[in-house]
Amino acid sequence: MSSNEDLFQGDQLREIVENQLTEGNPIKVKETLMRLMMTGTERSDAIDYIACALGLELENVVNNGAQFNSARYAANLDALPEMPWVDEE
C-alpha cells in the first residue's frame, strides 16, 4: 500500500463526512444522506457511499495535485448509490 493510499482510510473518510454533515457544508452531503435514507439505505451504508465519493475526489487531489473539485464531488454524490467510477470486473 502506498503512502497516498494510507492518507485516507475508511474511518477517516467517514469522520470527514460526519464533519461535513455537522457543519452543513457542503449541503449536498446532507441532501444525499437524506435521499439515500429515504430510499431505504441504512444510515451507516449511506455514510459509506458518501465516503467513497469523497475518497475518489481526495485521491484525485493527492495523486494528481489537483484542486478539490466541488462540482465533480456533487456529481458523484448524485450518482449514489450507483458508483459508475468503480470498474466492473
Protein backbone atom coordinates (compact mmCIF):
# COMPACT_ATOMS: atom_id res chain seq x y z
CA MET A 1 0.00 0.00 0.00
CA SER A 2 1.43 3.37 -0.98
CA SER A 3 1.71 6.31 1.36
CA ASN A 4 -1.03 8.10 -0.62
CA GLU A 5 -3.39 5.17 -0.01
CA ASP A 6 -2.61 5.40 3.69
CA LEU A 7 -3.67 9.06 3.86
CA PHE A 8 -7.39 8.41 3.84
CA GLN A 9 -8.82 5.14 5.02
CA GLY A 10 -12.47 4.33 5.59
CA ASP A 11 -12.67 5.56 9.18
CA GLN A 12 -11.05 8.89 8.31
CA LEU A 13 -13.31 9.37 5.32
CA ARG A 14 -16.40 8.59 7.39
CA GLU A 15 -15.21 11.10 10.01
CA ILE A 16 -14.83 13.78 7.35
CA VAL A 17 -18.33 13.00 6.06
CA GLU A 18 -19.74 13.26 9.60
CA ASN A 19 -17.97 16.61 9.98
CA GLN A 20 -19.45 17.80 6.69
CA LEU A 21 -22.89 16.79 7.97
CA THR A 22 -22.38 18.57 11.29
CA GLU A 23 -21.13 21.74 9.59
CA GLY A 24 -23.74 21.57 6.83
CA ASN A 25 -21.01 22.13 4.28
CA PRO A 26 -21.39 21.15 1.57
CA ILE A 27 -25.16 20.94 1.93
CA LYS A 28 -25.15 18.36 -0.88
CA VAL A 29 -23.78 15.81 1.60
CA LYS A 30 -26.81 16.16 3.87
CA GLU A 31 -29.16 16.11 0.89
CA THR A 32 -27.51 12.93 -0.35
CA LEU A 33 -27.72 11.28 3.06
CA MET A 34 -31.43 12.12 3.32
CA ARG A 35 -32.12 10.91 -0.24
CA LEU A 36 -30.35 7.62 0.33
CA MET A 37 -32.08 7.03 3.66
CA MET A 38 -35.49 7.88 2.19
CA THR A 39 -34.96 5.18 -0.43
CA GLY A 40 -34.20 2.55 2.20
CA THR A 41 -30.44 2.74 2.63
CA GLU A 42 -29.28 2.34 6.22
CA ARG A 43 -27.53 5.45 7.58
CA SER A 44 -24.21 3.66 8.04
CA ASP A 45 -24.31 2.38 4.46
CA ALA A 46 -25.22 5.83 3.17
CA ILE A 47 -22.24 7.31 5.04
CA ASP A 48 -20.03 4.64 3.45
CA TYR A 49 -21.34 5.53 -0.03
CA ILE A 50 -20.70 9.23 0.57
CA ALA A 51 -17.22 8.41 1.91
CA CYS A 52 -16.49 6.57 -1.34
CA ALA A 53 -17.42 9.64 -3.39
CA LEU A 54 -15.28 11.81 -1.13
CA GLY A 55 -12.37 9.38 -1.31
CA LEU A 56 -12.47 9.46 -5.09
CA GLU A 57 -12.16 13.24 -5.09
CA LEU A 58 -9.42 13.27 -2.45
CA GLU A 59 -7.50 10.62 -4.38
CA ASN A 60 -7.52 12.91 -7.40
CA VAL A 61 -6.23 15.80 -5.29
CA VAL A 62 -3.42 13.75 -3.74
CA ASN A 63 -2.36 11.74 -6.78
CA ASN A 64 -2.68 14.46 -9.40
CA GLY A 65 -2.04 17.60 -7.40
CA ALA A 66 -5.44 18.83 -8.50
CA GLN A 67 -7.74 21.25 -6.71
CA PHE A 68 -10.71 19.75 -4.89
CA ASN A 69 -13.48 19.80 -7.49
CA SER A 70 -16.77 20.52 -5.70
CA ALA A 71 -18.81 20.09 -8.87
CA ARG A 72 -17.37 16.64 -9.54
CA TYR A 73 -17.89 15.67 -5.88
CA ALA A 74 -21.53 16.80 -6.15
CA ALA A 75 -21.98 14.83 -9.39
CA ASN A 76 -20.56 11.72 -7.72
CA LEU A 77 -22.92 12.24 -4.79
CA ASP A 78 -25.83 12.50 -7.24
CA ALA A 79 -24.88 9.13 -8.76
CA LEU A 80 -25.09 7.30 -5.43
CA PRO A 81 -25.90 4.55 -4.61
CA GLU A 82 -24.50 3.66 -8.03
CA MET A 83 -20.76 4.12 -8.30
CA PRO A 84 -20.06 4.37 -12.03
CA TRP A 85 -16.43 5.25 -11.32
CA VAL A 86 -15.79 1.71 -9.97
CA ASP A 87 -14.51 -0.67 -12.63
CA GLU A 88 -16.62 -3.76 -13.07
CA GLU A 89 -14.65 -7.00 -13.03
